[in-house]
Protein backbone atom coordinates (compact mmCIF):
# COMPACT_ATOMS: atom_id res chain seq x y z
CA MET A 1 -176.93 -73.71 85.66
CA PRO A 2 -177.90 -77.33 86.38
CA GLY A 3 -175.97 -80.15 84.77
CA ARG A 4 -172.45 -80.28 83.59
CA ALA A 5 -170.95 -77.93 81.07
CA PHE A 6 -170.15 -78.86 77.50
CA PRO A 7 -166.47 -77.92 77.05
CA LEU A 8 -165.98 -75.89 73.88
CA VAL A 9 -163.96 -77.54 71.12
CA ASP A 10 -161.83 -75.01 69.25
CA SER A 11 -160.57 -77.07 66.29
CA LEU A 12 -161.28 -80.13 64.17
CA GLN A 13 -158.13 -81.73 65.60
CA ASP A 14 -159.36 -81.22 69.17
CA LEU A 15 -162.71 -82.80 68.33
CA GLN A 16 -161.11 -85.76 66.55
CA GLN A 17 -158.84 -86.37 69.53
CA ARG A 18 -161.80 -86.33 71.94
CA ILE A 19 -163.70 -88.76 69.71
CA ARG A 20 -160.72 -91.13 69.54
CA HIS A 21 -160.05 -91.16 73.28
CA ALA A 22 -163.51 -91.07 74.88
CA PRO A 23 -165.33 -94.37 75.34
CA ALA A 24 -168.65 -92.47 75.18
CA LEU A 25 -168.93 -88.90 73.93
CA ALA A 26 -171.86 -86.57 73.32
CA VAL A 27 -171.04 -83.73 70.91
CA TRP A 28 -173.41 -80.75 70.77
CA PHE A 29 -173.19 -78.66 67.59
CA SER A 30 -174.71 -75.22 68.04
CA ALA A 31 -174.43 -71.59 67.00
CA PRO A 32 -174.69 -68.27 68.81
CA GLY A 33 -178.13 -66.78 68.53
CA CYS A 34 -179.78 -70.19 68.18
CA ARG A 35 -182.52 -70.08 70.78
CA VAL A 36 -183.26 -73.80 70.52
CA CYS A 37 -179.55 -74.57 71.02
CA SER A 38 -179.31 -72.45 74.15
CA ASP A 39 -182.60 -73.77 75.58
CA LEU A 40 -181.78 -77.46 75.03
CA GLN A 41 -178.11 -77.48 76.05
CA PRO A 42 -178.69 -77.29 79.84
CA LYS A 43 -181.47 -79.88 79.59
CA LEU A 44 -179.19 -82.19 77.66
CA ALA A 45 -176.37 -81.67 80.17
CA THR A 46 -178.72 -82.57 83.04
CA LEU A 47 -180.03 -85.60 81.16
CA LEU A 48 -176.50 -86.88 80.59
CA GLU A 49 -175.58 -86.28 84.20
CA ASP A 50 -178.70 -88.06 85.53
CA HIS A 51 -178.86 -91.02 83.14
CA PHE A 52 -175.39 -91.35 81.58
CA PRO A 53 -172.84 -90.09 84.11
CA LEU A 54 -169.87 -91.76 82.39
CA PHE A 55 -170.42 -89.87 79.14
CA GLN A 56 -167.96 -87.18 78.24
CA SER A 57 -169.27 -84.15 76.39
CA ALA A 58 -168.09 -81.49 73.99
CA ARG A 59 -169.62 -78.49 72.23
CA VAL A 60 -168.81 -77.23 68.74
CA ASP A 61 -169.68 -73.65 67.79
CA CYS A 62 -170.42 -74.11 64.09
CA THR A 63 -169.67 -70.47 63.31
CA THR A 64 -166.11 -70.56 64.64
CA THR A 65 -165.28 -74.22 64.03
CA ALA A 66 -167.00 -74.74 60.70
CA GLU A 67 -164.40 -77.29 59.58
CA ALA A 68 -165.40 -79.64 62.43
CA ALA A 69 -169.09 -79.25 61.58
CA ALA A 70 -168.51 -79.87 57.88
CA ARG A 71 -166.30 -82.88 58.55
CA HIS A 72 -169.13 -84.47 60.52
CA GLN A 73 -171.76 -83.39 57.98
CA VAL A 74 -173.51 -81.06 60.39
CA PHE A 75 -175.36 -78.47 58.33
CA SER A 76 -178.15 -77.57 60.76
CA VAL A 77 -178.20 -76.66 64.43
CA PRO A 78 -178.74 -77.93 66.95
CA THR A 79 -177.28 -81.34 66.19
CA LEU A 80 -176.34 -83.96 68.74
CA LEU A 81 -173.88 -86.71 67.82
CA ILE A 82 -173.21 -89.63 70.14
CA PHE A 83 -169.99 -91.58 69.73
CA PHE A 84 -169.08 -94.93 71.28
CA GLU A 85 -165.46 -96.06 70.98
CA GLY A 86 -164.84 -93.50 68.23
CA ARG A 87 -167.82 -94.45 66.06
CA GLU A 88 -170.91 -92.33 65.54
CA SER A 89 -173.85 -94.24 66.98
CA LEU A 90 -176.64 -91.67 67.12
CA ARG A 91 -177.48 -88.44 65.31
CA LYS A 92 -180.31 -86.14 66.33
CA ILE A 93 -180.93 -82.99 64.31
CA ARG A 94 -182.99 -79.84 64.92
CA ASN A 95 -186.30 -81.05 66.30
CA LEU A 96 -185.15 -83.25 69.12
CA SER A 97 -187.08 -83.34 72.34
CA LEU A 98 -185.62 -84.24 75.70
CA PRO A 99 -187.39 -85.55 78.77
CA GLY A 100 -188.11 -82.80 81.26
CA THR A 101 -187.69 -84.66 84.52
CA LYS A 102 -185.44 -87.25 86.10
CA SER A 103 -188.26 -89.79 86.22
CA GLN A 104 -188.76 -89.82 82.47
CA ASN A 105 -186.77 -92.28 80.42
CA PRO A 106 -184.59 -90.77 77.70
CA ARG A 107 -186.57 -92.26 74.83
CA TRP A 108 -184.62 -90.37 72.19
CA ILE A 109 -181.92 -93.05 72.44
CA ASN A 110 -184.19 -95.71 70.88
């Protein structure tokens, strides 16, 4: 699979620790059986690798780590949260589109 993996977060405490310690963190909230989630995750991983190589990443399975999803007010999947220095800076929910090639600018950050 192209791009880097999104390490699975297994608790709210684990997620909070990652948010506190990462200068830049992309958190992907998804659920098993979500076709959009599974289709977009590798594209997002490649996008981060190509355009934002210093970002760290994490994945939350909302079915097994519901407390983390609820704490961050994630009630729909997929949801992407971007944190800088521990503060949420961007939230994209459900109908997000990602550029398909390296040459395209990631306009979803505007």
